[in-house]
Protein backbone atom coordinates (compact mmCIF):
# COMPACT_ATOMS: atom_id res chain seq x y z
CA MET A 1 170.12 83.15 152.71
CA HIS A 2 170.13 86.71 153.20
CA GLY A 3 171.97 87.96 150.93
CA GLU A 4 169.95 86.34 148.50
CA PHE A 5 166.65 87.74 149.41
CA ALA A 6 168.15 90.68 149.47
CA GLU A 7 169.16 90.56 146.22
CA MET A 8 165.92 89.61 144.53
CA VAL A 9 164.49 92.57 146.35
CA LEU A 10 167.25 94.79 144.67
CA ALA A 11 165.94 93.24 141.24
CA HIS A 12 162.35 93.95 142.62
CA SER A 13 163.22 97.02 143.03
CA ILE A 14 164.91 98.12 139.62
CA LEU A 15 162.20 96.24 137.82
CA ILE A 16 159.72 98.62 139.41
CA LYS A 17 161.42 101.85 138.23
CA VAL A 18 161.48 100.37 134.89
CA MET A 19 158.05 99.77 135.03
CA LEU A 20 157.84 103.76 135.59
CA ALA A 21 160.17 104.52 132.69
CA VAL A 22 157.65 102.30 130.65
CA PHE A 23 154.60 103.99 131.88
CA VAL A 24 156.52 106.82 131.25
CA VAL A 25 156.92 105.91 127.12
CA GLY A 26 153.09 104.60 127.39
CA LEU A 27 151.98 108.39 128.01
CA ILE A 28 154.09 110.02 125.28
CA ILE A 29 153.42 107.39 123.08
CA PRO A 30 149.98 108.71 121.65
CA PHE A 31 151.57 112.32 121.07
CA LEU A 32 153.89 110.84 119.18
CA SER A 33 151.87 110.26 115.79
CA SER A 34 148.34 112.34 114.77
CA ASP A 35 147.68 108.96 112.73
CA CYS A 36 145.37 106.78 115.05
CA SER A 37 146.97 103.38 113.19
CA LYS A 38 150.74 104.49 113.37
CA THR A 39 149.65 105.09 117.53
CA VAL A 40 147.47 101.84 118.23
CA LYS A 41 150.78 99.49 116.23
CA ARG A 42 152.57 102.06 118.96
CA MET A 43 150.78 101.06 121.85
CA ARG A 44 150.63 97.11 121.09
CA ILE A 45 154.28 96.65 121.19
CA TYR A 46 153.53 99.33 124.39
CA MET A 47 151.41 96.63 125.81
CA PHE A 48 153.32 93.64 125.64
CA VAL A 49 156.15 95.82 127.06
CA ALA A 50 154.04 96.79 130.28
CA HIS A 51 152.61 93.25 130.81
CA GLY A 52 156.11 91.81 130.05
CA THR A 53 157.66 94.05 132.88
CA LEU A 54 154.47 93.76 135.42
CA SER A 55 155.24 89.86 134.58
CA MET A 56 158.73 90.20 135.24
CA ILE A 57 158.06 92.34 138.89
CA ALA A 58 155.31 89.99 140.01
CA PHE A 59 157.49 86.55 140.11
CA SER A 60 160.04 88.59 141.63
CA GLY A 61 157.79 89.48 143.94
CA ILE A 62 157.02 86.27 144.35
CA ILE A 63 160.04 84.38 144.58
CA ALA A 64 161.49 86.55 147.54
CA PHE A 65 158.34 86.10 149.22
CA VAL A 66 159.06 81.80 149.01
CA PHE A 67 162.47 82.66 149.28
CA ALA A 68 162.14 84.44 152.56
CA ASP A 69 159.26 82.41 153.51
CA LEU A 70 157.45 85.32 154.81
CA PRO A 71 154.06 85.28 155.41
CA PHE A 72 150.93 86.58 154.03
CA SER A 73 150.18 89.51 155.19
CA LEU A 74 148.37 92.83 153.69
CA PRO A 75 150.96 94.10 151.98
CA ILE A 76 151.81 90.88 150.00
CA VAL A 77 147.58 90.95 149.54
CA THR A 78 147.54 94.65 148.43
CA MET A 79 151.00 93.67 145.43
CA ILE A 80 148.69 90.48 144.31
CA VAL A 81 145.61 93.06 144.26
CA MET A 82 147.85 95.61 142.69
CA PHE A 83 149.69 93.12 140.18
CA PHE A 84 146.44 92.13 138.11
CA ALA A 85 145.08 95.63 138.17
CA MET A 86 147.36 97.12 136.50
CA ILE A 87 147.40 94.51 134.02
CA MET A 88 143.40 94.89 133.74
CA ILE A 89 144.13 98.69 133.65
CA GLU A 90 146.38 98.28 130.23
CA VAL A 91 144.16 96.04 128.63
CA VAL A 92 141.04 98.22 128.77
CA LYS A 93 143.00 100.86 128.18
CA TYR A 94 144.10 98.98 125.03
CA LYS A 95 140.90 98.22 124.66
CA LYS A 96 139.53 101.55 123.99
CA ILE A 97 141.74 103.15 121.92
CA LEU A 98 141.33 100.41 119.92
CA LYS A 99 138.21 100.94 119.26
CA ASN A 100 138.33 104.56 118.98
CA GLN A 101 140.48 104.03 115.94
CA LYS A 102 137.81 104.25 113.68
CA SER A 103 136.29 107.23 115.31
CA GLU A 104 136.69 110.56 113.68
CA ASN A 105 138.72 112.32 116.76
CA CYS A 106 140.41 109.15 117.74
CA VAL A 107 143.71 111.57 118.02
CA ARG A 108 141.96 113.25 120.47
CA SER A 109 140.48 110.60 122.69
CA GLY A 110 143.13 108.02 122.08
CA ARG A 111 145.90 110.80 124.42
CA MET A 112 143.42 111.11 126.76
CA THR A 113 142.54 107.38 127.75
CA ALA A 114 146.00 106.77 127.41
CA VAL A 115 146.96 110.03 129.64
CA MET A 116 144.05 109.35 132.33
CA PHE A 117 144.76 105.28 132.24
CA THR A 118 148.11 105.86 132.60
CA LEU A 119 148.19 107.71 135.33
CA VAL A 120 146.30 105.82 137.27
CA ASN A 121 148.89 102.88 137.72
CA ILE A 122 151.84 105.78 137.63
CA ALA A 123 149.38 106.35 141.05
CA MET A 124 148.87 102.92 141.77
CA LEU A 125 152.30 102.09 141.60
CA ALA A 126 154.03 105.35 143.51
CA SER A 127 151.84 104.38 146.53
CA MET A 128 152.36 100.83 146.75
CA VAL A 129 156.08 102.02 146.76
CA VAL A 130 155.60 104.79 149.15
CA TRP A 131 153.40 102.40 151.46
CA LYS A 132 156.46 100.06 151.65
CA ILE A 133 158.73 102.98 152.25
CA MET A 134 156.84 104.00 155.32
CA GLU A 135 156.78 100.48 156.45
CA ALA A 136 160.60 99.95 156.41
CA LYS A 137 160.75 103.00 158.60
CA SER A 138 158.58 102.38 160.46
CA ALA A 139 156.16 105.15 159.95
CA VAL A 140 153.30 102.78 159.60
CA PRO A 141 152.79 99.71 160.73
CA VAL A 142 153.69 95.56 159.28
CA SER A 143 150.42 93.85 159.59
């Protein structure tokens, strides 16, 4: 059983690295064009990819959690809450960019919105990774 759990954790960590790459692409998209309609179309595709990747991360984490019969602890609850927060942040970001599409300064506001919300998501993901690394190195207590 330990080998399968290690495989699921490996898949989970690879998906997290993929998600960081997706976030970086999300930072770049608003700077590719000065046409707001093109940016909104690209952000829609990005949002689908981001939601799919986040869902794959959550699914692999839940499978590893159930498969290894881990106790329901603070890190597990934090990961679940962060999943829903990251999904919500992506939806709010897209809605805000979509709403600003009609304004005259849509390029500037779209770029600011994309950068601000994506940096929040990157910070959340990076903080959880650092926390889990510290936990594995026994730098923080496992609760």
